[in-house]
Amino acid sequence: LGPSGEARALGAEAPLAAEMGRALLYPNPIHDTNLTVRFYAPAAGEARFHLYNLEGQEISQARFPTTAGAVNEHQMDVSGLVSGMYLARLIYPGTHGQETRTLTLAVER
């Protein structure tokens, strides 16, 4: 609400408070070939995404640009993954250096 009590729109670019500091992989579990990586980046730069099997072997990696102060979404083709659990590490520019998030991904084929 604004100072006089009226409702005020924040705009389409304003991230939800719940999305700040959070990263998502969806759909999860994934059945098809396109995975979406979604995260809020406080600073502009480059994000790095690494996908590992449970033995710690890197299976895939990607780099994509980030927009500062916005929710960033990027698509990845994961058609080569077999059924199983995977660990993902997302590294992106933060307010004071790099932010790192570790996520899990379930693949069901």
PDB file of N, CA and C in Angstrom:
ATOM      1  N   LEU A   1       0.833  -1.188   0.000  1.00  0.00           N
ATOM      2  CA  LEU A   1       0.000   0.000   0.000  1.00  0.00           C
ATOM      3  C   LEU A   1       0.871   1.242   0.000  1.00  0.00           C
ATOM      4  N   GLY A   2       0.360   2.263  -0.657  1.00  0.00           N
ATOM      5  CA  GLY A   2       1.055   3.539  -0.679  1.00  0.00           C
ATOM      6  C   GLY A   2       0.838   4.298   0.622  1.00  0.00           C
ATOM      7  N   PRO A   3       1.456   5.479   0.767  1.00  0.00           N
ATOM      8  CA  PRO A   3       1.363   6.247   2.007  1.00  0.00           C
ATOM      9  C   PRO A   3      -0.066   6.621   2.388  1.00  0.00           C
ATOM     10  N   SER A   4      -0.929   6.821   1.396  1.00  0.00           N
ATOM     11  CA  SER A   4      -2.309   7.196   1.709  1.00  0.00           C
ATOM     12  C   SER A   4      -3.231   5.987   1.776  1.00  0.00           C
ATOM     13  N   GLY A   5      -2.679   4.785   1.712  1.00  0.00           N
ATOM     14  CA  GLY A   5      -3.475   3.571   1.854  1.00  0.00           C
ATOM     15  C   GLY A   5      -3.959   2.973   0.547  1.00  0.00           C
ATOM     16  N   GLU A   6      -3.657   3.603  -0.583  1.00  0.00           N
ATOM     17  CA  GLU A   6      -4.104   3.058  -1.865  1.00  0.00           C
ATOM     18  C   GLU A   6      -3.168   1.936  -2.314  1.00  0.00           C
ATOM     19  N   ALA A   7      -3.726   0.982  -3.045  1.00  0.00           N
ATOM     20  CA  ALA A   7      -2.927  -0.120  -3.579  1.00  0.00           C
ATOM     21  C   ALA A   7      -2.001   0.429  -4.650  1.00  0.00           C
ATOM     22  N   ARG A   8      -0.784  -0.112  -4.707  1.00  0.00           N
ATOM     23  CA  ARG A   8       0.199   0.364  -5.672  1.00  0.00           C
ATOM     24  C   ARG A   8       0.866  -0.839  -6.311  1.00  0.00           C
ATOM     25  N   ALA A   9       0.912  -0.872  -7.651  1.00  0.00           N
ATOM     26  CA  ALA A   9       1.552  -1.969  -8.375  1.00  0.00           C
ATOM     27  C   ALA A   9       3.060  -1.788  -8.344  1.00  0.00           C
ATOM     28  N   LEU A  10       3.772  -2.881  -8.168  1.00  0.00           N
ATOM     29  CA  LEU A  10       5.232  -2.834  -8.166  1.00  0.00           C
ATOM     30  C   LEU A  10       5.816  -3.043  -9.546  1.00  0.00           C
ATOM     31  N   GLY A  11       5.022  -3.541 -10.489  1.00  0.00           N
ATOM     32  CA  GLY A  11       5.503  -3.774 -11.837  1.00  0.00           C
ATOM     33  C   GLY A  11       5.861  -5.223 -12.068  1.00  0.00           C
ATOM     34  N   ALA A  12       5.876  -5.607 -13.326  1.00  0.00           N
ATOM     35  CA  ALA A  12       6.128  -7.004 -13.696  1.00  0.00           C
ATOM     36  C   ALA A  12       7.545  -7.441 -13.372  1.00  0.00           C
ATOM     37  N   GLU A  13       8.494  -6.490 -13.331  1.00  0.00           N
ATOM     38  CA  GLU A  13       9.887  -6.849 -13.085  1.00  0.00           C
ATOM     39  C   GLU A  13      10.200  -7.079 -11.610  1.00  0.00           C
ATOM     40  N   ALA A  14       9.331  -6.633 -10.714  1.00  0.00           N
ATOM     41  CA  ALA A  14       9.610  -6.765  -9.280  1.00  0.00           C
ATOM     42  C   ALA A  14       9.536  -8.228  -8.870  1.00  0.00           C
ATOM     43  N   PRO A  15      10.609  -8.764  -8.303  1.00  0.00           N
ATOM     44  CA  PRO A  15      10.577 -10.170  -7.887  1.00  0.00           C
ATOM     45  C   PRO A  15       9.738 -10.343  -6.631  1.00  0.00           C
ATOM     46  N   LEU A  16       9.112 -11.488  -6.518  1.00  0.00           N
ATOM     47  CA  LEU A  16       8.422 -11.816  -5.281  1.00  0.00           C
ATOM     48  C   LEU A  16       9.460 -11.985  -4.190  1.00  0.00           C
ATOM     49  N   ALA A  17       9.114 -11.587  -2.987  1.00  0.00           N
ATOM     50  CA  ALA A  17      10.059 -11.718  -1.875  1.00  0.00           C
ATOM     51  C   ALA A  17      10.509 -13.158  -1.710  1.00  0.00           C
ATOM     52  N   ALA A  18       9.607 -14.097  -2.000  1.00  0.00           N
ATOM     53  CA  ALA A  18       9.941 -15.515  -1.856  1.00  0.00           C
ATOM     54  C   ALA A  18      10.988 -15.963  -2.871  1.00  0.00           C
ATOM     55  N   GLU A  19      11.128 -15.242  -3.998  1.00  0.00           N
ATOM     56  CA  GLU A  19      12.078 -15.653  -5.030  1.00  0.00           C
ATOM     57  C   GLU A  19      13.478 -15.097  -4.801  1.00  0.00           C
ATOM     58  N   MET A  20      13.600 -14.077  -4.006  1.00  0.00           N
ATOM     59  CA  MET A  20      14.918 -13.496  -3.767  1.00  0.00           C
ATOM     60  C   MET A  20      15.747 -14.469  -2.939  1.00  0.00           C
ATOM     61  N   GLY A  21      16.957 -14.744  -3.396  1.00  0.00           N
ATOM     62  CA  GLY A  21      17.827 -15.678  -2.690  1.00  0.00           C
ATOM     63  C   GLY A  21      17.476 -17.129  -2.929  1.00  0.00           C
ATOM     64  N   ARG A  22      16.652 -17.394  -3.919  1.00  0.00           N
ATOM     65  CA  ARG A  22      16.180 -18.748  -4.176  1.00  0.00           C
ATOM     66  C   ARG A  22      16.447 -19.119  -5.633  1.00  0.00           C
ATOM     67  N   ALA A  23      16.673 -20.374  -5.871  1.00  0.00           N
ATOM     68  CA  ALA A  23      16.845 -20.870  -7.236  1.00  0.00           C
ATOM     69  C   ALA A  23      15.948 -22.084  -7.403  1.00  0.00           C
ATOM     70  N   LEU A  24      15.397 -22.255  -8.600  1.00  0.00           N
ATOM     71  CA  LEU A  24      14.488 -23.363  -8.883  1.00  0.00           C
ATOM     72  C   LEU A  24      14.883 -24.057 -10.172  1.00  0.00           C
ATOM     73  N   LEU A  25      14.658 -25.354 -10.214  1.00  0.00           N
ATOM     74  CA  LEU A  25      14.743 -26.139 -11.442  1.00  0.00           C
ATOM     75  C   LEU A  25      13.350 -26.697 -11.670  1.00  0.00           C
ATOM     76  N   TYR A  26      12.796 -26.484 -12.848  1.00  0.00           N
ATOM     77  CA  TYR A  26      11.481 -27.057 -13.118  1.00  0.00           C
ATOM     78  C   TYR A  26      11.332 -27.375 -14.594  1.00  0.00           C
ATOM     79  N   PRO A  27      10.488 -28.345 -14.931  1.00  0.00           N
ATOM     80  CA  PRO A  27       9.753 -29.192 -13.992  1.00  0.00           C
ATOM     81  C   PRO A  27      10.709 -30.117 -13.243  1.00  0.00           C
ATOM     82  N   ASN A  28      10.321 -30.490 -12.057  1.00  0.00           N
ATOM     83  CA  ASN A  28      11.151 -31.373 -11.232  1.00  0.00           C
ATOM     84  C   ASN A  28      10.234 -32.235 -10.377  1.00  0.00           C
ATOM     85  N   PRO A  29      10.088 -33.517 -10.674  1.00  0.00           N
ATOM     86  CA  PRO A  29      10.893 -34.305 -11.613  1.00  0.00           C
ATOM     87  C   PRO A  29      10.580 -33.941 -13.066  1.00  0.00           C
ATOM     88  N   ILE A  30      11.563 -34.173 -13.907  1.00  0.00           N
ATOM     89  CA  ILE A  30      11.413 -33.846 -15.323  1.00  0.00           C
ATOM     90  C   ILE A  30      11.190 -35.126 -16.120  1.00  0.00           C
ATOM     91  N   HIS A  31      10.253 -35.037 -17.074  1.00  0.00           N
ATOM     92  CA  HIS A  31       9.939 -36.171 -17.949  1.00  0.00           C
ATOM     93  C   HIS A  31      10.306 -35.858 -19.402  1.00  0.00           C
ATOM     94  N   ASP A  32      10.350 -34.571 -19.738  1.00  0.00           N
ATOM     95  CA  ASP A  32      10.622 -34.191 -21.124  1.00  0.00           C
ATOM     96  C   ASP A  32      12.069 -33.727 -21.286  1.00  0.00           C
ATOM     97  N   THR A  33      12.319 -32.889 -22.278  1.00  0.00           N
ATOM     98  CA  THR A  33      13.704 -32.541 -22.594  1.00  0.00           C
ATOM     99  C   THR A  33      14.121 -31.140 -22.171  1.00  0.00           C
ATOM    100  N   ASN A  34      13.173 -30.261 -21.859  1.00  0.00           N
ATOM    101  CA  ASN A  34      13.520 -28.875 -21.542  1.00  0.00           C
ATOM    102  C   ASN A  34      13.426 -28.593 -20.052  1.00  0.00           C
ATOM    103  N   LEU A  35      14.552 -28.227 -19.470  1.00  0.00           N
ATOM    104  CA  LEU A  35      14.633 -27.865 -18.063  1.00  0.00           C
ATOM    105  C   LEU A  35      14.763 -26.346 -17.971  1.00  0.00           C
ATOM    106  N   THR A  36      14.021 -25.744 -17.053  1.00  0.00           N
ATOM    107  CA  THR A  36      14.124 -24.308 -16.816  1.00  0.00           C
ATOM    108  C   THR A  36      14.889 -24.070 -15.523  1.00  0.00           C
ATOM    109  N   VAL A  37      15.891 -23.201 -15.602  1.00  0.00           N
ATOM    110  CA  VAL A  37      16.662 -22.765 -14.437  1.00  0.00           C
ATOM    111  C   VAL A  37      16.181 -21.348 -14.132  1.00  0.00           C
ATOM    112  N   ARG A  38      15.661 -21.136 -12.918  1.00  0.00           N
ATOM    113  CA  ARG A  38      15.098 -19.832 -12.540  1.00  0.00           C
ATOM    114  C   ARG A  38      15.754 -19.366 -11.238  1.00  0.00           C
ATOM    115  N   PHE A  39      16.216 -18.121 -11.226  1.00  0.00           N
ATOM    116  CA  PHE A  39      16.862 -17.577 -10.034  1.00  0.00           C
ATOM    117  C   PHE A  39      16.835 -16.057 -10.076  1.00  0.00           C
ATOM    118  N   TYR A  40      16.922 -15.446  -8.915  1.00  0.00           N
ATOM    119  CA  TYR A  40      17.011 -13.992  -8.789  1.00  0.00           C
ATOM    120  C   TYR A  40      18.487 -13.616  -8.679  1.00  0.00           C
ATOM    121  N   ALA A  41      18.916 -12.714  -9.548  1.00  0.00           N
ATOM    122  CA  ALA A  41      20.312 -12.261  -9.527  1.00  0.00           C
ATOM    123  C   ALA A  41      20.361 -10.793  -9.110  1.00  0.00           C
ATOM    124  N   PRO A  42      21.000 -10.490  -7.988  1.00  0.00           N
ATOM    125  CA  PRO A  42      21.099  -9.096  -7.573  1.00  0.00           C
ATOM    126  C   PRO A  42      22.061  -8.267  -8.428  1.00  0.00           C
ATOM    127  N   ALA A  43      22.951  -8.917  -9.164  1.00  0.00           N
ATOM    128  CA  ALA A  43      23.939  -8.196  -9.976  1.00  0.00           C
ATOM    129  C   ALA A  43      23.999  -8.795 -11.382  1.00  0.00           C
ATOM    130  N   ALA A  44      24.419  -7.976 -12.334  1.00  0.00           N
ATOM    131  CA  ALA A  44      24.580  -8.438 -13.713  1.00  0.00           C
ATOM    132  C   ALA A  44      25.896  -9.185 -13.854  1.00  0.00           C
ATOM    133  N   GLY A  45      25.957 -10.043 -14.841  1.00  0.00           N
ATOM    134  CA  GLY A  45      27.187 -10.791 -15.097  1.00  0.00           C
ATOM    135  C   GLY A  45      26.870 -12.089 -15.806  1.00  0.00           C
ATOM    136  N   GLU A  46      27.575 -13.132 -15.417  1.00  0.00           N
ATOM    137  CA  GLU A  46      27.401 -14.436 -16.045  1.00  0.00           C
ATOM    138  C   GLU A  46      27.129 -15.491 -14.974  1.00  0.00           C
ATOM    139  N   ALA A  47      26.119 -16.319 -15.230  1.00  0.00           N
ATOM    140  CA  ALA A  47      25.823 -17.447 -14.343  1.00  0.00           C
ATOM    141  C   ALA A  47      26.438 -18.704 -14.940  1.00  0.00           C
ATOM    142  N   ARG A  48      26.876 -19.592 -14.056  1.00  0.00           N
ATOM    143  CA  ARG A  48      27.410 -20.890 -14.480  1.00  0.00           C
ATOM    144  C   ARG A  48      26.558 -21.978 -13.843  1.00  0.00           C
ATOM    145  N   PHE A  49      26.173 -22.953 -14.654  1.00  0.00           N
ATOM    146  CA  PHE A  49      25.330 -24.052 -14.195  1.00  0.00           C
ATOM    147  C   PHE A  49      26.068 -25.356 -14.467  1.00  0.00           C
ATOM    148  N   HIS A  50      26.247 -26.173 -13.438  1.00  0.00           N
ATOM    149  CA  HIS A  50      26.935 -27.460 -13.566  1.00  0.00           C
ATOM    150  C   HIS A  50      25.990 -28.550 -13.073  1.00  0.00           C
ATOM    151  N   LEU A  51      25.918 -29.644 -13.813  1.00  0.00           N
ATOM    152  CA  LEU A  51      25.067 -30.770 -13.443  1.00  0.00           C
ATOM    153  C   LEU A  51      25.947 -31.996 -13.234  1.00  0.00           C
ATOM    154  N   TYR A  52      25.751 -32.672 -12.093  1.00  0.00           N
ATOM    155  CA  TYR A  52      26.574 -33.823 -11.705  1.00  0.00           C
ATOM    156  C   TYR A  52      25.695 -35.037 -11.440  1.00  0.00           C
ATOM    157  N   ASN A  53      26.223 -36.232 -11.756  1.00  0.00           N
ATOM    158  CA  ASN A  53      25.541 -37.445 -11.320  1.00  0.00           C
ATOM    159  C   ASN A  53      25.906 -37.677  -9.855  1.00  0.00           C
ATOM    160  N   LEU A  54      25.313 -38.689  -9.244  1.00  0.00           N
ATOM    161  CA  LEU A  54      25.551 -38.907  -7.817  1.00  0.00           C
ATOM    162  C   LEU A  54      26.930 -39.476  -7.509  1.00  0.00           C
ATOM    163  N   GLU A  55      27.701 -39.800  -8.545  1.00  0.00           N
ATOM    164  CA  GLU A  55      29.086 -40.221  -8.347  1.00  0.00           C
ATOM    165  C   GLU A  55      30.033 -39.023  -8.388  1.00  0.00           C
ATOM    166  N   GLY A  56      29.477 -37.834  -8.608  1.00  0.00           N
ATOM    167  CA  GLY A  56      30.281 -36.620  -8.631  1.00  0.00           C
ATOM    168  C   GLY A  56      30.860 -36.260  -9.983  1.00  0.00           C
ATOM    169  N   GLN A  57      30.487 -36.996 -11.031  1.00  0.00           N
ATOM    170  CA  GLN A  57      30.987 -36.695 -12.374  1.00  0.00           C
ATOM    171  C   GLN A  57      30.149 -35.581 -12.988  1.00  0.00           C
ATOM    172  N   GLU A  58      30.831 -34.594 -13.572  1.00  0.00           N
ATOM    173  CA  GLU A  58      30.098 -33.523 -14.241  1.00  0.00           C
ATOM    174  C   GLU A  58      29.501 -34.058 -15.537  1.00  0.00           C
ATOM    175  N   ILE A  59      28.196 -33.901 -15.674  1.00  0.00           N
ATOM    176  CA  ILE A  59      27.464 -34.413 -16.831  1.00  0.00           C
ATOM    177  C   ILE A  59      27.244 -33.317 -17.869  1.00  0.00           C
ATOM    178  N   SER A  60      27.008 -32.109 -17.391  1.00  0.00           N
ATOM    179  CA  SER A  60      26.666 -31.009 -18.284  1.00  0.00           C
ATOM    180  C   SER A  60      27.045 -29.691 -17.624  1.00  0.00           C
ATOM    181  N   GLN A  61      27.269 -28.681 -18.459  1.00  0.00           N
ATOM    182  CA  GLN A  61      27.487 -27.339 -17.934  1.00  0.00           C
ATOM    183  C   GLN A  61      26.971 -26.326 -18.935  1.00  0.00           C
ATOM    184  N   ALA A  62      26.624 -25.158 -18.426  1.00  0.00           N
ATOM    185  CA  ALA A  62      26.120 -24.079 -19.279  1.00  0.00           C
ATOM    186  C   ALA A  62      26.488 -22.747 -18.641  1.00  0.00           C
ATOM    187  N   ARG A  63      26.548 -21.731 -19.475  1.00  0.00           N
ATOM    188  CA  ARG A  63      26.781 -20.359 -19.014  1.00  0.00           C
ATOM    189  C   ARG A  63      25.707 -19.490 -19.646  1.00  0.00           C
ATOM    190  N   PHE A  64      25.196 -18.548 -18.873  1.00  0.00           N
ATOM    191  CA  PHE A  64      24.221 -17.616 -19.423  1.00  0.00           C
ATOM    192  C   PHE A  64      24.324 -16.267 -18.726  1.00  0.00           C
ATOM    193  N   PRO A  65      23.946 -15.195 -19.446  1.00  0.00           N
ATOM    194  CA  PRO A  65      24.025 -13.851 -18.871  1.00  0.00           C
ATOM    195  C   PRO A  65      22.937 -13.649 -17.817  1.00  0.00           C
ATOM    196  N   THR A  66      23.212 -12.770 -16.852  1.00  0.00           N
ATOM    197  CA  THR A  66      22.210 -12.441 -15.843  1.00  0.00           C
ATOM    198  C   THR A  66      21.840 -10.968 -15.940  1.00  0.00           C
ATOM    199  N   THR A  67      20.593 -10.690 -15.631  1.00  0.00           N
ATOM    200  CA  THR A  67      20.093  -9.326 -15.554  1.00  0.00           C
ATOM    201  C   THR A  67      20.034  -8.937 -14.086  1.00  0.00           C
ATOM    202  N   ALA A  68      20.609  -7.806 -13.743  1.00  0.00           N
ATOM    203  CA  ALA A  68      20.680  -7.373 -12.342  1.00  0.00           C
ATOM    204  C   ALA A  68      19.308  -7.020 -11.790  1.00  0.00           C
ATOM    205  N   GLY A  69      19.054  -7.430 -10.549  1.00  0.00           N
ATOM    206  CA  GLY A  69      17.821  -7.082  -9.858  1.00  0.00           C
ATOM    207  C   GLY A  69      16.586  -7.682 -10.473  1.00  0.00           C
ATOM    208  N   ALA A  70      16.731  -8.843 -11.104  1.00  0.00           N
ATOM    209  CA  ALA A  70      15.601  -9.460 -11.796  1.00  0.00           C
ATOM    210  C   ALA A  70      15.627 -10.973 -11.633  1.00  0.00           C
ATOM    211  N   VAL A  71      14.465 -11.566 -11.855  1.00  0.00           N
ATOM    212  CA  VAL A  71      14.379 -13.016 -11.918  1.00  0.00           C
ATOM    213  C   VAL A  71      14.849 -13.422 -13.310  1.00  0.00           C
ATOM    214  N   ASN A  72      15.824 -14.294 -13.366  1.00  0.00           N
ATOM    215  CA  ASN A  72      16.388 -14.771 -14.623  1.00  0.00           C
ATOM    216  C   ASN A  72      15.904 -16.187 -14.874  1.00  0.00           C
ATOM    217  N   GLU A  73      15.539 -16.482 -16.116  1.00  0.00           N
ATOM    218  CA  GLU A  73      15.116 -17.830 -16.503  1.00  0.00           C
ATOM    219  C   GLU A  73      15.876 -18.248 -17.745  1.00  0.00           C
ATOM    220  N   HIS A  74      16.360 -19.483 -17.735  1.00  0.00           N
ATOM    221  CA  HIS A  74      17.083 -20.012 -18.885  1.00  0.00           C
ATOM    222  C   HIS A  74      16.653 -21.453 -19.106  1.00  0.00           C
ATOM    223  N   GLN A  75      16.532 -21.833 -20.368  1.00  0.00           N
ATOM    224  CA  GLN A  75      16.146 -23.187 -20.757  1.00  0.00           C
ATOM    225  C   GLN A  75      17.390 -24.005 -21.070  1.00  0.00           C
ATOM    226  N   MET A  76      17.336 -25.278 -20.708  1.00  0.00           N
ATOM    227  CA  MET A  76      18.423 -26.206 -21.027  1.00  0.00           C
ATOM    228  C   MET A  76      17.835 -27.479 -21.610  1.00  0.00           C
ATOM    229  N   ASP A  77      18.518 -28.033 -22.591  1.00  0.00           N
ATOM    230  CA  ASP A  77      18.126 -29.317 -23.166  1.00  0.00           C
ATOM    231  C   ASP A  77      18.777 -30.425 -22.343  1.00  0.00           C
ATOM    232  N   VAL A  78      17.960 -31.254 -21.720  1.00  0.00           N
ATOM    233  CA  VAL A  78      18.475 -32.363 -20.910  1.00  0.00           C
ATOM    234  C   VAL A  78      18.021 -33.705 -21.483  1.00  0.00           C
ATOM    235  N   SER A  79      17.837 -33.752 -22.796  1.00  0.00           N
ATOM    236  CA  SER A  79      17.352 -34.978 -23.437  1.00  0.00           C
ATOM    237  C   SER A  79      18.330 -36.137 -23.290  1.00  0.00           C
ATOM    238  N   GLY A  80      19.602 -35.857 -23.067  1.00  0.00           N
ATOM    239  CA  GLY A  80      20.602 -36.917 -22.939  1.00  0.00           C
ATOM    240  C   GLY A  80      20.683 -37.554 -21.563  1.00  0.00           C
ATOM    241  N   LEU A  81      19.926 -37.047 -20.600  1.00  0.00           N
ATOM    242  CA  LEU A  81      19.988 -37.601 -19.242  1.00  0.00           C
ATOM    243  C   LEU A  81      19.122 -38.850 -19.115  1.00  0.00           C
ATOM    244  N   VAL A  82      19.642 -39.840 -18.416  1.00  0.00           N
ATOM    245  CA  VAL A  82      18.870 -41.051 -18.132  1.00  0.00           C
ATOM    246  C   VAL A  82      18.152 -40.859 -16.799  1.00  0.00           C
ATOM    247  N   SER A  83      17.198 -41.728 -16.509  1.00  0.00           N
ATOM    248  CA  SER A  83      16.461 -41.653 -15.246  1.00  0.00           C
ATOM    249  C   SER A  83      17.414 -41.710 -14.068  1.00  0.00           C
ATOM    250  N   GLY A  84      17.135 -40.903 -13.064  1.00  0.00           N
ATOM    251  CA  GLY A  84      17.959 -40.901 -11.864  1.00  0.00           C
ATOM    252  C   GLY A  84      17.958 -39.554 -11.181  1.00  0.00           C
ATOM    253  N   MET A  85      18.779 -39.450 -10.147  1.00  0.00           N
ATOM    254  CA  MET A  85      18.926 -38.211  -9.385  1.00  0.00           C
ATOM    255  C   MET A  85      20.231 -37.530  -9.790  1.00  0.00           C
ATOM    256  N   TYR A  86      20.190 -36.211  -9.828  1.00  0.00           N
ATOM    257  CA  TYR A  86      21.347 -35.409 -10.197  1.00  0.00           C
ATOM    258  C   TYR A  86      21.481 -34.246  -9.220  1.00  0.00           C
ATOM    259  N   LEU A  87      22.687 -33.738  -9.080  1.00  0.00           N
ATOM    260  CA  LEU A  87      22.949 -32.538  -8.295  1.00  0.00           C
ATOM    261  C   LEU A  87      23.340 -31.420  -9.249  1.00  0.00           C
ATOM    262  N   ALA A  88      22.818 -30.241  -8.991  1.00  0.00           N
ATOM    263  CA  ALA A  88      23.130 -29.080  -9.818  1.00  0.00           C
ATOM    264  C   ALA A  88      23.764 -28.011  -8.943  1.00  0.00           C
ATOM    265  N   ARG A  89      24.727 -27.319  -9.496  1.00  0.00           N
ATOM    266  CA  ARG A  89      25.340 -26.184  -8.806  1.00  0.00           C
ATOM    267  C   ARG A  89      25.181 -24.969  -9.712  1.00  0.00           C
ATOM    268  N   LEU A  90      24.575 -23.942  -9.167  1.00  0.00           N
ATOM    269  CA  LEU A  90      24.352 -22.690  -9.880  1.00  0.00           C
ATOM    270  C   LEU A  90      25.179 -21.605  -9.196  1.00  0.00           C
ATOM    271  N   ILE A  91      26.029 -20.949  -9.963  1.00  0.00           N
ATOM    272  CA  ILE A  91      26.896 -19.885  -9.446  1.00  0.00           C
ATOM    273  C   ILE A  91      26.574 -18.628 -10.250  1.00  0.00           C
ATOM    274  N   TYR A  92      26.227 -17.552  -9.551  1.00  0.00           N
ATOM    275  CA  TYR A  92      25.825 -16.332 -10.243  1.00  0.00           C
ATOM    276  C   TYR A  92      26.260 -15.109  -9.435  1.00  0.00           C
ATOM    277  N   PRO A  93      26.313 -13.920 -10.093  1.00  0.00           N
ATOM    278  CA  PRO A  93      26.773 -12.715  -9.410  1.00  0.00           C
ATOM    279  C   PRO A  93      25.810 -12.303  -8.299  1.00  0.00           C
ATOM    280  N   GLY A  94      26.369 -12.043  -7.131  1.00  0.00           N
ATOM    281  CA  GLY A  94      25.569 -11.597  -5.998  1.00  0.00           C
ATOM    282  C   GLY A  94      25.910 -10.169  -5.623  1.00  0.00           C
ATOM    283  N   THR A  95      25.359  -9.728  -4.529  1.00  0.00           N
ATOM    284  CA  THR A  95      25.604  -8.369  -4.057  1.00  0.00           C
ATOM    285  C   THR A  95      27.054  -8.186  -3.625  1.00  0.00           C
ATOM    286  N   HIS A  96      27.609  -9.189  -2.962  1.00  0.00           N
ATOM    287  CA  HIS A  96      28.994  -9.116  -2.462  1.00  0.00           C
ATOM    288  C   HIS A  96      29.783 -10.321  -2.960  1.00  0.00           C
ATOM    289  N   GLY A  97      29.962 -10.439  -4.261  1.00  0.00           N
ATOM    290  CA  GLY A  97      30.686 -11.580  -4.816  1.00  0.00           C
ATOM    291  C   GLY A  97      29.738 -12.586  -5.442  1.00  0.00           C
ATOM    292  N   GLN A  98      30.165 -13.826  -5.472  1.00  0.00           N
ATOM    293  CA  GLN A  98      29.396 -14.889  -6.116  1.00  0.00           C
ATOM    294  C   GLN A  98      28.418 -15.545  -5.143  1.00  0.00           C
ATOM    295  N   GLU A  99      27.234 -15.875  -5.645  1.00  0.00           N
ATOM    296  CA  GLU A  99      26.246 -16.663  -4.905  1.00  0.00           C
ATOM    297  C   GLU A  99      26.311 -18.079  -5.460  1.00  0.00           C
ATOM    298  N   THR A 100      26.173 -19.076  -4.605  1.00  0.00           N
ATOM    299  CA  THR A 100      26.179 -20.472  -5.043  1.00  0.00           C
ATOM    300  C   THR A 100      24.966 -21.176  -4.455  1.00  0.00           C
ATOM    301  N   ARG A 101      24.242 -21.880  -5.299  1.00  0.00           N
ATOM    302  CA  ARG A 101      23.100 -22.677  -4.858  1.00  0.00           C
ATOM    303  C   ARG A 101      23.307 -24.103  -5.341  1.00  0.00           C
ATOM    304  N   THR A 102      23.026 -25.065  -4.475  1.00  0.00           N
ATOM    305  CA  THR A 102      23.074 -26.478  -4.838  1.00  0.00           C
ATOM    306  C   THR A 102      21.646 -27.001  -4.827  1.00  0.00           C
ATOM    307  N   LEU A 103      21.258 -27.652  -5.926  1.00  0.00           N
ATOM    308  CA  LEU A 103      19.886 -28.120  -6.113  1.00  0.00           C
ATOM    309  C   LEU A 103      19.893 -29.583  -6.523  1.00  0.00           C
ATOM    310  N   THR A 104      18.767 -30.247  -6.347  1.00  0.00           N
ATOM    311  CA  THR A 104      18.632 -31.626  -6.821  1.00  0.00           C
ATOM    312  C   THR A 104      17.658 -31.653  -7.992  1.00  0.00           C
ATOM    313  N   LEU A 105      17.879 -32.602  -8.882  1.00  0.00           N
ATOM    314  CA  LEU A 105      17.015 -32.795 -10.039  1.00  0.00           C
ATOM    315  C   LEU A 105      16.714 -34.276 -10.175  1.00  0.00           C
ATOM    316  N   ALA A 106      15.446 -34.604 -10.313  1.00  0.00           N
ATOM    317  CA  ALA A 106      15.025 -35.982 -10.556  1.00  0.00           C
ATOM    318  C   ALA A 106      14.602 -36.099 -12.014  1.00  0.00           C
ATOM    319  N   VAL A 107      15.141 -37.100 -12.706  1.00  0.00           N
ATOM    320  CA  VAL A 107      14.790 -37.359 -14.104  1.00  0.00           C
ATOM    321  C   VAL A 107      14.042 -38.679 -14.151  1.00  0.00           C
ATOM    322  N   GLU A 108      12.849 -38.658 -14.745  1.00  0.00           N
ATOM    323  CA  GLU A 108      12.041 -39.868 -14.920  1.00  0.00           C
ATOM    324  C   GLU A 108      11.751 -40.024 -16.399  1.00  0.00           C
ATOM    325  N   ARG A 109      12.282 -41.055 -16.991  1.00  0.00           N
ATOM    326  CA  ARG A 109      12.059 -41.306 -18.430  1.00  0.00           C
ATOM    327  C   ARG A 109      11.139 -42.479 -18.634  1.00  0.00           C
TER     328      ARG A 109
END
